[in-house]
Amino acid sequence: MRRKVIALLLSVCMLALPLGGCGSQESGNSENTSAVNGKETQADGNAQESGNGEAVKLTGLYVSHSLTKDMNELQWLQELEEKANVDIEWEQIYSDWETTKSTRFASGDIPDILINATVDSDYTKYNGLFMELSSLIEENAPNVMQMFEEEPDTRILATTKEDKIFAAPKFQGKWPATNTVMFINKEWLDNLGLEMPETFMELKEVLKAFKEQDANGNGNPDDEVPLDFNAYGGNNAWFNSAYSLTNLLGATGIQLTNWGQEGYFAEDGKVKCYAVDERYRDFLRFMSELYKEGLINQKALTSDYSTYQSLSRGDEDGNALVGVAFGWEETDKFGPKLYTQYVPLAPLAYDVDCEPGTYDTRWRNDYSGLNMSANRICMSAKCKNPEAAMRFIDTFYDEAASVQVLFGGITDGCVEQTGDHSFKVLPPLDADMDPGTWKWTNAFAGNGPMYIRRSTELEMAQDMTFAVEERKDYDAVLNKMGESDYYPQMFMKYTDEDQNTMALTQANINNIIDNYWSLWLTGESDIDKDWDTYVQNVNDAGLPQILEIRQAAFEEYLNK
């Protein structure tokens, strides 16, 4: 099949997550002339149905991970096209999509199929641009229907408040229940004759020893970073990053659900925001003490994710430099040379100015965020052959195809099918590449549409095997979460008016809360002196109105 791909020399704006984790994300007008396969072509964006059995021609757009190879080289994708009898001219977007998509969508010029390119608000903001898919799914997509029936939350995820479906979601039910593990350097503990800490105050003593006693044993007592975190960049990263210090808030009894939630959580069925919770104030006061004593990386506030990762992989002489840090999985976080030094540190009990056990220790539960995502694939309302396009969309949700979407192709040497419903993820063919990087290079991975069935047997690669094993110390705490404190915002549905209100109001709130935490952490401002005025300012910015809107949506979700 003749394949066409327009590869744009840009790099995708991604959420700062690890390669193994989530989870979980341009060009000018598509009528512009582009160099495709060495020729000048003119794409009209319309499907053309052949009357003689030839493949239906469609156009497609994929917002790609920066590592993913040219789609021309993905044999598994070509096989899906052949199975659906379509020939797709692809446009592969590597960056700046969030900056340019508004112009693209406003022009009304979009391809037939879009993958990883939309959010819920696009369907109302650009009313009429996208195809409503409900009947097409029922009539042409048995795999998607199977997902909706076996995993009802996926239908909720895909359905708007007006009971319409504009995009199909994904389900990859093999991922663990949290994206984040706190790791500690066990070799450093052994070097200094220390036990694993179990409380906040015990952690402080361990961090002091790491800082003062040359924990890595290289003769330099000043190169150790006792505790590191990542919360640099846009999108209110302190509250939304999977590797922020706010992971530790669960020790105060605050149950967080999924990363990137702007500080909102549920407690006893009531939606709250921890940014104005006194437990957050007390927690941040303690973190400020650690920072003042040099126990937290002094450069963390200005270090991006790649710097955060690099520091965890040690110096050029192979010495570990970080004592405690957050990550997805040990080989991804610390690299092939140092990962054996690190072990998971179980969730700590909060004992700052109180006895251990005062609070019910929790840890952020990310199962829904890691295993489900909305808006994986959608269709233009102008698609001339929507039935063919939907048949192609449905091929992604086939059992074997879904495994390949996530891990890479069978014929590409990434996956082996070992039985009717069993598969084995193979080691990277490139011995110098870790499994996570290999996966993102050869597959859509977490960005793709798929249905990984719970019944499918998967023998995972080393990184996923480690990731599951590392979380065993977290299972008991994660299992404490109940219906009244499970707050998966991804399932909440809002009216256009409410969405607009929340977007504008949240921006005003973020201007306040995102400006204060770093001042308090570094000691540039006094949290106790600021607190009452800070809370009043956040409330005046509209927090009560947002909480009211969120509460109504939460109760509606609970009643479904």
Protein backbone atom coordinates (compact mmCIF):
# COMPACT_ATOMS: atom_id res chain seq x y z
CA MET A 1 0.00 0.00 0.00
CA ARG A 2 1.32 3.44 -0.88
CA ARG A 3 1.78 5.33 2.38
CA LYS A 4 2.09 9.06 2.80
CA VAL A 5 3.28 10.85 5.88
CA ILE A 6 3.89 14.53 6.38
CA ALA A 7 6.44 14.69 9.20
CA LEU A 8 6.65 18.13 10.72
CA LEU A 9 10.02 19.07 12.22
CA LEU A 10 8.60 20.03 15.57
CA SER A 11 8.51 18.33 18.98
CA VAL A 12 5.26 17.62 20.79
CA CYS A 13 4.27 19.56 23.90
CA MET A 14 4.10 16.68 26.36
CA LEU A 15 2.99 16.44 30.03
CA ALA A 16 6.09 15.85 32.13
CA LEU A 17 5.65 12.17 32.76
CA PRO A 18 8.05 9.28 32.42
CA LEU A 19 8.26 7.14 29.32
CA GLY A 20 6.75 4.15 31.07
CA GLY A 21 4.01 6.06 32.83
CA CYS A 22 1.03 7.68 31.81
CA GLY A 23 0.12 8.70 31.27
CA SER A 24 -0.42 9.66 29.50
CA GLN A 25 0.39 14.31 24.75
CA GLU A 26 1.96 22.15 13.64
CA SER A 27 1.67 22.69 10.42
CA GLY A 28 -0.20 25.13 8.39
CA ASN A 29 -3.42 24.52 6.52
CA SER A 30 -3.67 20.98 5.18
CA GLU A 31 -4.48 22.37 1.74
CA ASN A 32 -0.99 23.78 1.58
CA THR A 33 1.41 22.00 -0.72
CA SER A 34 3.80 19.70 1.14
CA ALA A 35 6.66 17.44 0.20
CA VAL A 36 5.39 13.88 0.54
CA ASN A 37 7.52 10.88 -0.40
CA GLY A 38 9.77 13.20 -2.38
CA LYS A 39 6.93 14.65 -4.46
CA GLU A 40 4.82 17.77 -4.34
CA THR A 41 1.22 16.83 -3.55
CA GLN A 42 -2.02 18.63 -2.91
CA ALA A 43 -4.17 17.12 -0.14
CA ASP A 44 -7.86 17.86 -0.43
CA GLY A 45 -8.71 16.25 2.93
CA ASN A 46 -11.61 14.20 1.52
CA ALA A 47 -12.06 10.46 1.49
CA GLN A 48 -12.49 8.94 -1.94
CA GLU A 49 -14.39 5.69 -2.22
CA SER A 50 -13.37 3.41 -5.02
CA GLY A 51 -16.00 1.51 -6.93
CA ASN A 52 -13.67 -1.32 -7.91
CA GLY A 53 -12.62 -2.66 -4.50
CA GLU A 54 -9.59 -0.44 -4.14
CA ALA A 55 -8.74 0.96 -0.73
CA VAL A 56 -10.71 3.98 0.43
CA LYS A 57 -8.47 7.04 0.59
CA LEU A 58 -8.59 9.04 3.82
CA THR A 59 -6.49 11.68 5.52
CA GLY A 60 -5.28 11.48 9.10
CA LEU A 61 -3.42 13.48 11.74
CA TYR A 62 -1.50 12.14 14.73
CA VAL A 63 -0.10 14.32 17.51
CA SER A 64 3.01 12.30 18.20
CA HIS A 65 5.45 11.71 21.03
CA SER A 66 8.81 13.22 20.15
CA LEU A 67 10.42 9.76 20.12
CA THR A 68 7.98 8.06 17.78
CA LYS A 69 9.49 7.16 14.44
CA ASP A 70 8.07 8.19 11.07
CA MET A 71 4.65 6.56 10.74
CA ASN A 72 5.79 5.20 7.37
CA GLU A 73 8.01 2.81 9.30
CA LEU A 74 5.31 1.42 11.61
CA GLN A 75 4.43 -1.88 9.93
CA TRP A 76 1.62 -2.60 12.39
CA LEU A 77 -0.14 0.63 11.36
CA GLN A 78 0.08 -0.27 7.68
CA GLU A 79 -1.44 -3.66 8.53
CA LEU A 80 -4.40 -1.95 10.25
CA GLU A 81 -5.02 0.12 7.13
CA GLU A 82 -4.92 -2.98 4.96
CA LYS A 83 -7.32 -4.79 7.27
CA ALA A 84 -9.82 -1.92 7.04
CA ASN A 85 -9.17 -1.49 3.29
CA VAL A 86 -8.18 2.16 3.64
CA ASP A 87 -5.18 4.15 2.42
CA ILE A 88 -4.40 7.06 4.75
CA GLU A 89 -2.22 10.05 4.07
CA TRP A 90 -0.88 10.88 7.52
CA GLU A 91 0.29 14.14 9.00
CA GLN A 92 2.54 13.56 12.02
CA ILE A 93 2.70 16.48 14.45
CA TYR A 94 5.74 16.56 16.70
CA SER A 95 5.19 19.89 18.44
CA ASP A 96 3.36 23.14 19.03
CA TRP A 97 -0.05 21.55 18.46
CA GLU A 98 -1.63 23.33 21.43
CA THR A 99 -0.37 26.61 20.03
CA THR A 100 -1.56 26.13 16.47
CA LYS A 101 -4.61 23.88 16.68
CA SER A 102 -7.00 26.75 17.43
CA THR A 103 -6.13 28.38 14.11
CA ARG A 104 -6.42 25.04 12.36
CA PHE A 105 -9.77 24.19 13.91
CA ALA A 106 -11.16 27.68 13.41
CA SER A 107 -10.42 27.42 9.70
CA GLY A 108 -12.55 24.28 9.51
CA ASP A 109 -9.78 22.50 7.62
CA ILE A 110 -9.05 19.22 9.38
CA PRO A 111 -8.32 15.70 8.10
CA ASP A 112 -10.77 12.83 8.22
CA ILE A 113 -9.27 11.19 11.31
CA LEU A 114 -7.46 12.81 14.26
CA ILE A 115 -5.54 10.90 16.94
CA ASN A 116 -4.49 12.42 20.28
CA ALA A 117 -5.46 15.85 18.98
CA THR A 118 -8.58 17.02 20.85
CA VAL A 119 -9.99 17.75 24.30
CA ASP A 120 -13.60 17.81 25.46
CA SER A 121 -14.02 21.55 25.07
CA ASP A 122 -13.06 21.42 21.37
CA TYR A 123 -16.38 19.81 20.46
CA THR A 124 -18.40 22.72 21.80
CA LYS A 125 -15.94 25.47 20.95
CA TYR A 126 -15.78 24.29 17.33
CA ASN A 127 -19.39 23.18 17.03
CA GLY A 128 -20.06 21.22 13.85
CA LEU A 129 -16.41 20.50 13.08
CA PHE A 130 -16.41 16.93 14.42
CA MET A 131 -18.58 13.95 13.56
CA GLU A 132 -21.03 12.69 16.19
CA LEU A 133 -20.13 9.00 16.40
CA SER A 134 -22.85 7.23 18.40
CA SER A 135 -24.65 5.54 15.51
CA LEU A 136 -21.43 4.92 13.58
CA ILE A 137 -19.98 3.09 16.57
CA GLU A 138 -23.11 0.98 17.04
CA GLU A 139 -23.20 0.00 13.37
CA ASN A 140 -19.50 -0.25 12.43
CA ALA A 141 -17.39 -0.68 15.56
CA PRO A 142 -17.94 -3.99 17.39
CA ASN A 143 -14.65 -3.70 19.27
CA VAL A 144 -15.48 -0.25 20.62
CA MET A 145 -18.94 -1.50 21.59
CA GLN A 146 -17.34 -4.42 23.43
CA MET A 147 -15.20 -1.95 25.39
CA PHE A 148 -18.24 0.15 26.30
CA GLU A 149 -20.12 -2.93 27.50
CA GLU A 150 -17.27 -4.52 29.46
CA GLU A 151 -15.85 -1.27 30.86
CA PRO A 152 -18.86 1.06 31.37
CA ASP A 153 -16.66 3.89 32.62
CA THR A 154 -15.25 4.20 29.09
CA ARG A 155 -18.70 5.04 27.75
CA ILE A 156 -19.15 7.63 30.50
CA LEU A 157 -15.75 9.03 29.61
CA ALA A 158 -16.66 9.31 25.93
CA THR A 159 -20.16 10.75 26.38
CA THR A 160 -20.80 14.48 26.67
CA LYS A 161 -23.30 16.02 29.05
CA GLU A 162 -25.66 16.17 26.07
CA ASP A 163 -25.30 12.36 25.54
CA LYS A 164 -23.20 12.67 22.41
CA ILE A 165 -19.96 10.91 21.49
CA PHE A 166 -17.37 12.76 19.43
CA ALA A 167 -14.29 10.64 20.16
CA ALA A 168 -13.41 7.13 21.28
CA PRO A 169 -11.37 6.72 24.48
CA LYS A 170 -8.79 4.12 25.43
CA PHE A 171 -8.61 1.44 28.09
CA GLN A 172 -5.34 -0.27 29.00
CA GLY A 173 -6.29 -2.11 32.16
CA LYS A 174 -2.90 -3.63 32.96
CA TRP A 175 -1.30 -0.53 34.45
CA PRO A 176 -0.85 -0.23 38.25
CA ALA A 177 -2.89 1.93 40.59
CA THR A 178 -0.40 4.77 41.01
CA ASN A 179 1.90 6.58 38.63
CA THR A 180 4.35 7.56 41.35
CA VAL A 181 6.66 5.68 43.67
CA MET A 182 8.97 7.32 46.19
CA PHE A 183 12.41 5.72 45.95
CA ILE A 184 15.22 5.80 48.48
CA ASN A 185 18.88 4.89 48.04
CA LYS A 186 19.20 1.67 50.07
CA GLU A 187 22.96 1.57 49.54
CA TRP A 188 23.26 4.96 51.24
CA LEU A 189 21.17 3.71 54.15
CA ASP A 190 23.45 0.70 54.51
CA ASN A 191 26.60 2.82 54.21
CA LEU A 192 25.45 4.94 57.14
CA GLY A 193 23.87 2.15 59.21
CA LEU A 194 20.37 3.62 58.91
CA GLU A 195 16.95 1.97 58.90
CA MET A 196 14.19 2.67 56.39
CA PRO A 197 12.20 5.70 57.61
CA GLU A 198 8.52 5.16 58.35
CA THR A 199 7.45 8.67 59.38
CA PHE A 200 8.10 12.25 58.31
CA MET A 201 10.37 12.96 61.26
CA GLU A 202 12.37 9.79 60.64
CA LEU A 203 12.73 10.83 57.00
CA LYS A 204 14.12 14.19 58.12
CA GLU A 205 16.81 12.49 60.18
CA VAL A 206 17.75 10.23 57.25
CA LEU A 207 17.97 13.22 54.89
CA LYS A 208 20.24 15.04 57.35
CA ALA A 209 22.54 12.03 57.45
CA PHE A 210 22.59 11.82 53.65
CA LYS A 211 23.62 15.48 53.50
CA GLU A 212 26.26 15.50 56.22
CA GLN A 213 27.95 12.08 56.11
CA ASP A 214 29.15 11.57 52.52
CA ALA A 215 26.46 8.97 51.89
CA ASN A 216 27.75 7.96 48.45
CA GLY A 217 31.26 7.45 49.84
CA ASN A 218 33.16 9.32 47.11
CA GLY A 219 35.03 11.57 49.54
CA ASN A 220 32.95 14.65 48.71
CA PRO A 221 30.44 15.39 51.49
CA ASP A 222 28.83 18.19 49.52
CA ASP A 223 27.61 16.48 46.33
CA GLU A 224 24.64 14.56 47.77
CA VAL A 225 21.10 15.81 47.13
CA PRO A 226 19.05 14.32 49.98
CA LEU A 227 15.56 14.83 48.43
CA ASP A 228 14.60 15.83 44.89
CA PHE A 229 11.29 16.57 43.17
CA ASN A 230 9.98 17.96 39.89
CA ALA A 231 7.49 20.81 39.72
CA TYR A 232 9.01 23.16 37.15
CA GLY A 233 7.24 24.56 34.12
CA GLY A 234 3.78 25.64 33.12
CA ASN A 235 0.40 24.09 33.86
CA ASN A 236 0.63 24.84 37.59
CA ALA A 237 3.21 22.09 37.97
CA TRP A 238 3.47 22.16 41.77
CA PHE A 239 -0.15 21.00 41.95
CA ASN A 240 -0.20 18.92 38.77
CA SER A 241 3.16 17.19 38.30
CA ALA A 242 3.30 13.46 39.05
CA TYR A 243 6.63 14.05 40.82
CA SER A 244 5.88 17.06 42.97
CA LEU A 245 6.36 17.09 46.74
CA THR A 246 2.57 17.29 46.96
CA ASN A 247 2.59 13.51 46.55
CA LEU A 248 3.37 13.43 50.26
CA LEU A 249 0.14 15.25 51.18
CA GLY A 250 -1.61 11.90 51.36
CA ALA A 251 0.09 11.40 54.72
CA THR A 252 -2.28 14.04 56.13
CA GLY A 253 -5.33 11.99 55.11
CA ILE A 254 -5.96 13.82 51.82
CA GLN A 255 -6.87 11.25 49.16
CA LEU A 256 -5.69 12.44 45.75
CA THR A 257 -7.04 10.88 42.56
CA ASN A 258 -4.84 11.07 39.45
CA TRP A 259 -2.16 13.67 38.88
CA GLY A 260 -2.91 17.02 37.27
CA GLN A 261 -6.05 17.80 39.28
CA GLU A 262 -5.33 21.44 40.22
CA GLY A 263 -5.45 20.56 43.93
CA TYR A 264 -9.05 19.27 44.00
CA PHE A 265 -9.99 16.16 45.94
CA ALA A 266 -13.03 14.58 47.59
CA GLU A 267 -13.49 13.83 51.28
CA ASP A 268 -16.64 12.22 52.67
CA GLY A 269 -18.41 12.95 49.40
CA LYS A 270 -17.54 16.66 49.41
CA VAL A 271 -15.28 18.27 46.79
CA LYS A 272 -12.50 20.37 48.31
CA CYS A 273 -9.30 22.13 47.26
CA TYR A 274 -6.22 21.37 49.33
CA ALA A 275 -4.62 24.69 48.34
CA VAL A 276 -6.73 26.30 51.09
CA ASP A 277 -6.71 23.34 53.50
CA GLU A 278 -4.88 23.83 56.80
CA ARG A 279 -3.23 20.43 56.36
CA TYR A 280 -1.56 21.82 53.24
CA ARG A 281 -0.34 24.82 55.24
CA ASP A 282 1.16 22.60 57.94
CA PHE A 283 2.71 20.27 55.37
CA LEU A 284 4.29 23.14 53.44
CA ARG A 285 5.64 24.67 56.63
CA PHE A 286 7.51 21.41 57.29
CA MET A 287 8.78 21.22 53.70
CA SER A 288 10.09 24.76 54.13
CA GLU A 289 12.10 23.61 57.16
CA LEU A 290 13.67 20.83 55.08
CA TYR A 291 14.49 23.29 52.30
CA LYS A 292 16.05 25.76 54.72
CA GLU A 293 18.34 23.04 56.07
CA GLY A 294 19.46 22.09 52.56
CA LEU A 295 17.69 18.74 52.63
CA ILE A 296 15.69 19.45 49.44
CA ASN A 297 17.38 20.14 46.09
CA GLN A 298 17.96 23.90 46.05
CA LYS A 299 17.80 23.91 42.22
CA ALA A 300 14.55 21.95 41.92
CA LEU A 301 12.44 25.06 41.39
CA THR A 302 14.29 25.86 38.16
CA SER A 303 15.03 22.34 36.91
CA ASP A 304 12.95 20.88 34.10
CA TYR A 305 12.00 17.22 33.85
CA SER A 306 15.04 16.19 31.85
CA THR A 307 17.34 17.79 34.44
CA TYR A 308 15.40 16.03 37.17
CA GLN A 309 15.93 12.70 35.42
CA SER A 310 19.58 13.36 34.64
CA LEU A 311 20.52 14.17 38.23
CA SER A 312 19.02 10.86 39.38
CA ARG A 313 21.33 8.97 37.04
CA GLY A 314 24.45 10.12 38.89
CA ASP A 315 27.71 11.77 37.90
CA GLU A 316 30.19 10.86 35.18
CA ASP A 317 32.10 8.64 37.61
CA GLY A 318 29.03 6.51 38.33
CA ASN A 319 28.31 7.95 41.78
CA ALA A 320 24.69 8.27 42.84
CA LEU A 321 23.82 11.85 43.76
CA VAL A 322 20.19 11.65 44.95
CA GLY A 323 18.95 10.05 48.14
CA VAL A 324 15.16 10.19 47.75
CA ALA A 325 13.14 10.98 44.62
CA PHE A 326 9.82 10.27 42.93
CA GLY A 327 9.57 8.23 39.75
CA TRP A 328 7.61 5.79 37.62
CA GLU A 329 9.98 2.82 37.71
CA GLU A 330 13.53 2.29 38.94
CA THR A 331 15.32 1.68 35.62
CA ASP A 332 13.50 4.60 33.99
CA LYS A 333 14.33 6.89 36.90
CA PHE A 334 17.89 5.91 37.82
CA GLY A 335 19.20 4.29 34.64
CA PRO A 336 20.82 0.89 34.04
CA LYS A 337 23.89 1.55 36.21
CA LEU A 338 22.35 2.90 39.41
CA TYR A 339 18.84 1.47 39.65
CA THR A 340 19.95 -1.46 41.84
CA GLN A 341 20.86 0.99 44.61
CA TYR A 342 17.25 2.13 45.00
CA VAL A 343 14.17 0.57 46.59
CA PRO A 344 10.59 1.80 47.05
CA LEU A 345 9.91 3.79 50.21
CA ALA A 346 6.42 2.98 51.47
CA PRO A 347 4.00 5.85 52.21
CA LEU A 348 5.08 7.63 55.37
CA ALA A 349 3.03 8.35 58.48
CA TYR A 350 2.64 12.05 59.28
CA ASP A 351 4.09 12.83 62.74
CA VAL A 352 4.96 16.51 62.50
CA ASP A 353 3.72 18.09 65.76
CA CYS A 354 1.47 15.06 66.26
CA GLU A 355 1.68 11.34 66.95
CA PRO A 356 1.97 8.81 64.09
CA GLY A 357 -1.51 7.55 63.29
CA THR A 358 -3.16 10.93 63.88
CA TYR A 359 -4.00 10.95 60.18
CA ASP A 360 -5.09 8.07 57.97
CA THR A 361 -2.16 7.72 55.56
CA ARG A 362 -3.11 7.81 51.87
CA TRP A 363 -1.31 7.85 48.50
CA ARG A 364 -2.49 9.24 45.18
CA ASN A 365 -4.55 6.64 43.29
CA ASP A 366 -4.05 6.97 39.53
CA TYR A 367 -5.71 3.81 38.22
CA SER A 368 -8.31 5.59 36.10
CA GLY A 369 -5.79 8.15 34.86
CA LEU A 370 -3.22 5.51 33.91
CA ASN A 371 -5.64 3.08 32.31
CA MET A 372 -8.19 5.35 30.65
CA SER A 373 -8.03 8.49 28.55
CA ALA A 374 -10.69 10.34 26.61
CA ASN A 375 -10.39 11.69 23.08
CA ARG A 376 -7.94 9.22 21.61
CA ILE A 377 -9.44 9.29 18.11
CA CYS A 378 -12.15 11.32 16.40
CA MET A 379 -13.47 12.12 12.93
CA SER A 380 -14.14 15.21 10.87
CA ALA A 381 -17.79 16.04 10.19
CA LYS A 382 -16.74 16.55 6.56
CA CYS A 383 -15.42 13.00 6.13
CA LYS A 384 -16.88 11.72 2.86
CA ASN A 385 -16.77 8.07 3.90
CA PRO A 386 -17.48 7.93 7.64
CA GLU A 387 -18.35 4.21 7.60
CA ALA A 388 -14.91 3.32 6.22
CA ALA A 389 -13.25 5.71 8.66
CA MET A 390 -15.11 4.14 11.57
CA ARG A 391 -14.18 0.64 10.46
CA PHE A 392 -10.55 1.75 10.49
CA ILE A 393 -10.97 3.34 13.93
CA ASP A 394 -12.42 0.08 15.22
CA THR A 395 -9.37 -1.90 14.11
CA PHE A 396 -7.32 -0.16 16.81
CA TYR A 397 -9.61 -1.76 19.42
CA ASP A 398 -9.10 -5.34 18.23
CA GLU A 399 -7.37 -7.39 20.94
CA ALA A 400 -4.11 -8.07 19.09
CA ALA A 401 -4.06 -4.64 17.46
CA SER A 402 -4.45 -2.89 20.81
CA VAL A 403 -1.41 -4.67 22.22
CA GLN A 404 0.58 -3.48 19.20
CA VAL A 405 -0.71 0.08 19.50
CA LEU A 406 0.64 0.09 23.04
CA PHE A 407 3.90 -1.84 22.69
CA GLY A 408 4.77 -2.01 18.97
CA GLY A 409 4.12 -4.44 16.17
CA ILE A 410 4.35 -8.20 16.01
CA THR A 411 5.98 -8.04 12.57
CA ASP A 412 8.12 -5.15 13.83
CA GLY A 413 9.71 -7.47 16.42
CA CYS A 414 8.23 -5.71 19.45
CA VAL A 415 5.57 -8.24 20.49
CA GLU A 416 5.07 -11.99 20.17
CA GLN A 417 1.61 -13.55 20.16
CA THR A 418 1.93 -16.67 22.31
CA GLY A 419 -1.70 -17.83 22.23
CA ASP A 420 -5.21 -16.85 21.16
CA HIS A 421 -5.41 -14.25 23.93
CA SER A 422 -1.83 -14.07 25.19
CA PHE A 423 1.12 -11.91 24.20
CA LYS A 424 4.70 -11.35 25.22
CA VAL A 425 6.40 -7.96 25.05
CA LEU A 426 9.87 -8.59 23.64
CA PRO A 427 13.11 -6.92 24.74
CA PRO A 428 14.24 -3.97 22.59
CA LEU A 429 15.97 -5.01 19.40
CA ASP A 430 18.31 -2.09 20.10
CA ALA A 431 20.37 -3.29 23.09
CA ASP A 432 21.27 0.30 23.98
CA MET A 433 17.64 1.36 24.35
CA ASP A 434 15.54 0.89 27.51
CA PRO A 435 12.06 -0.70 27.15
CA GLY A 436 10.20 2.56 27.72
CA THR A 437 12.08 4.44 25.02
CA TRP A 438 11.75 1.45 22.65
CA LYS A 439 7.99 1.39 23.19
CA TRP A 440 7.49 5.09 22.49
CA THR A 441 9.72 4.81 19.40
CA ASN A 442 7.79 1.95 17.82
CA ALA A 443 4.23 2.47 19.00
CA PHE A 444 1.66 5.12 19.83
CA ALA A 445 1.93 3.83 23.42
CA GLY A 446 -0.19 5.86 25.84
CA ASN A 447 -1.22 8.31 23.11
CA GLY A 448 -3.07 5.72 21.03
CA PRO A 449 -6.64 4.43 20.82
CA MET A 450 -6.86 0.90 22.22
CA TYR A 451 -8.73 -1.62 24.35
CA ILE A 452 -6.40 -3.80 26.39
CA ARG A 453 -8.86 -6.28 27.85
CA ARG A 454 -8.56 -7.40 31.45
CA SER A 455 -8.76 -10.99 30.17
CA THR A 456 -5.80 -10.55 27.83
CA GLU A 457 -2.67 -12.26 29.14
CA LEU A 458 0.37 -10.01 28.84
CA GLU A 459 3.93 -10.91 29.70
CA MET A 460 5.39 -7.46 30.20
CA ALA A 461 8.85 -6.10 29.54
CA GLN A 462 11.26 -5.61 32.42
CA ASP A 463 10.20 -2.04 33.18
CA MET A 464 6.54 -2.96 33.65
CA THR A 465 7.42 -6.05 35.67
CA PHE A 466 9.48 -3.84 37.97
CA ALA A 467 6.74 -1.18 38.09
CA VAL A 468 4.15 -3.69 39.31
CA GLU A 469 6.53 -5.23 41.84
CA GLU A 470 7.60 -1.83 43.23
CA ARG A 471 4.02 -0.91 44.09
CA LYS A 472 3.32 -3.87 46.36
CA ASP A 473 4.35 -1.75 49.35
CA TYR A 474 1.68 0.75 48.30
CA ASP A 475 -1.25 -1.62 47.76
CA ALA A 476 -2.64 -1.53 51.30
CA VAL A 477 -2.70 2.28 51.35
CA LEU A 478 -4.07 2.57 47.81
CA ASN A 479 -6.89 0.17 48.65
CA LYS A 480 -8.19 2.50 51.37
CA MET A 481 -9.80 4.72 48.75
CA GLY A 482 -13.59 4.45 48.68
CA GLU A 483 -16.42 5.90 46.62
CA SER A 484 -16.78 9.00 48.82
CA ASP A 485 -13.16 10.06 48.31
CA TYR A 486 -12.58 8.80 44.76
CA TYR A 487 -12.62 11.91 42.58
CA PRO A 488 -11.72 11.11 38.95
CA GLN A 489 -12.28 14.47 37.29
CA MET A 490 -11.99 12.89 33.85
CA PHE A 491 -15.54 11.52 34.24
CA MET A 492 -17.17 14.79 35.30
CA LYS A 493 -19.47 16.46 32.78
CA TYR A 494 -20.16 20.19 32.60
CA THR A 495 -22.26 22.59 30.60
CA ASP A 496 -20.52 25.01 28.24
CA GLU A 497 -21.30 27.83 30.64
CA ASP A 498 -19.80 25.95 33.58
CA GLN A 499 -16.70 25.03 31.59
CA ASN A 500 -16.14 28.66 30.66
CA THR A 501 -16.71 29.79 34.22
CA MET A 502 -14.26 27.26 35.60
CA ALA A 503 -11.60 28.03 32.99
CA LEU A 504 -11.66 31.76 33.66
CA THR A 505 -11.98 31.44 37.41
CA GLN A 506 -9.32 28.75 37.74
CA ALA A 507 -6.86 30.96 35.86
CA ASN A 508 -7.41 33.67 38.46
CA ILE A 509 -7.01 31.17 41.30
CA ASN A 510 -3.83 29.75 39.79
CA ASN A 511 -2.31 33.19 39.66
CA ILE A 512 -2.57 33.24 43.44
CA ILE A 513 -1.82 29.68 44.52
CA ASP A 514 1.01 29.13 42.03
CA ASN A 515 2.76 32.30 43.13
CA TYR A 516 2.78 31.50 46.84
CA TRP A 517 3.99 27.92 47.23
CA SER A 518 7.54 28.63 46.07
CA LEU A 519 7.79 31.70 48.31
CA TRP A 520 6.73 29.59 51.27
CA LEU A 521 8.94 26.63 50.38
CA THR A 522 12.06 28.77 50.08
CA GLY A 523 11.23 30.88 53.13
CA GLU A 524 10.98 34.10 51.14
CA SER A 525 7.59 34.65 52.71
CA ASP A 526 6.07 33.49 56.01
CA ILE A 527 3.23 31.04 55.44
CA ASP A 528 1.66 31.65 58.87
CA LYS A 529 1.58 35.42 58.38
CA ASP A 530 0.26 35.09 54.84
CA TRP A 531 -2.24 32.30 55.26
CA ASP A 532 -5.49 34.04 56.23
CA THR A 533 -5.13 36.73 53.58
CA TYR A 534 -4.10 34.12 51.02
CA VAL A 535 -7.19 31.98 51.69
CA GLN A 536 -9.43 35.04 51.49
CA ASN A 537 -7.90 36.06 48.17
CA VAL A 538 -8.41 32.57 46.72
CA ASN A 539 -12.04 32.57 47.84
CA ASP A 540 -12.55 36.07 46.44
CA ALA A 541 -11.12 34.85 43.12
CA GLY A 542 -14.04 32.43 42.84
CA LEU A 543 -13.11 29.15 44.54
CA PRO A 544 -16.57 28.70 46.19
CA GLN A 545 -18.23 28.98 42.77
CA ILE A 546 -15.90 26.36 41.27
CA LEU A 547 -16.48 24.02 44.22
CA GLU A 548 -20.24 24.35 43.76
CA ILE A 549 -19.97 23.46 40.05
CA ARG A 550 -17.63 20.56 40.74
CA GLN A 551 -19.83 19.24 43.56
CA ALA A 552 -22.87 19.08 41.30
CA ALA A 553 -20.91 17.23 38.62
CA PHE A 554 -19.46 14.84 41.20
CA GLU A 555 -22.89 13.96 42.56
CA GLU A 556 -24.19 13.42 39.04
CA TYR A 557 -21.29 11.03 38.38
CA LEU A 558 -21.93 9.13 41.63
CA ASN A 559 -25.58 8.67 40.66
CA LYS A 560 -24.81 7.10 37.25
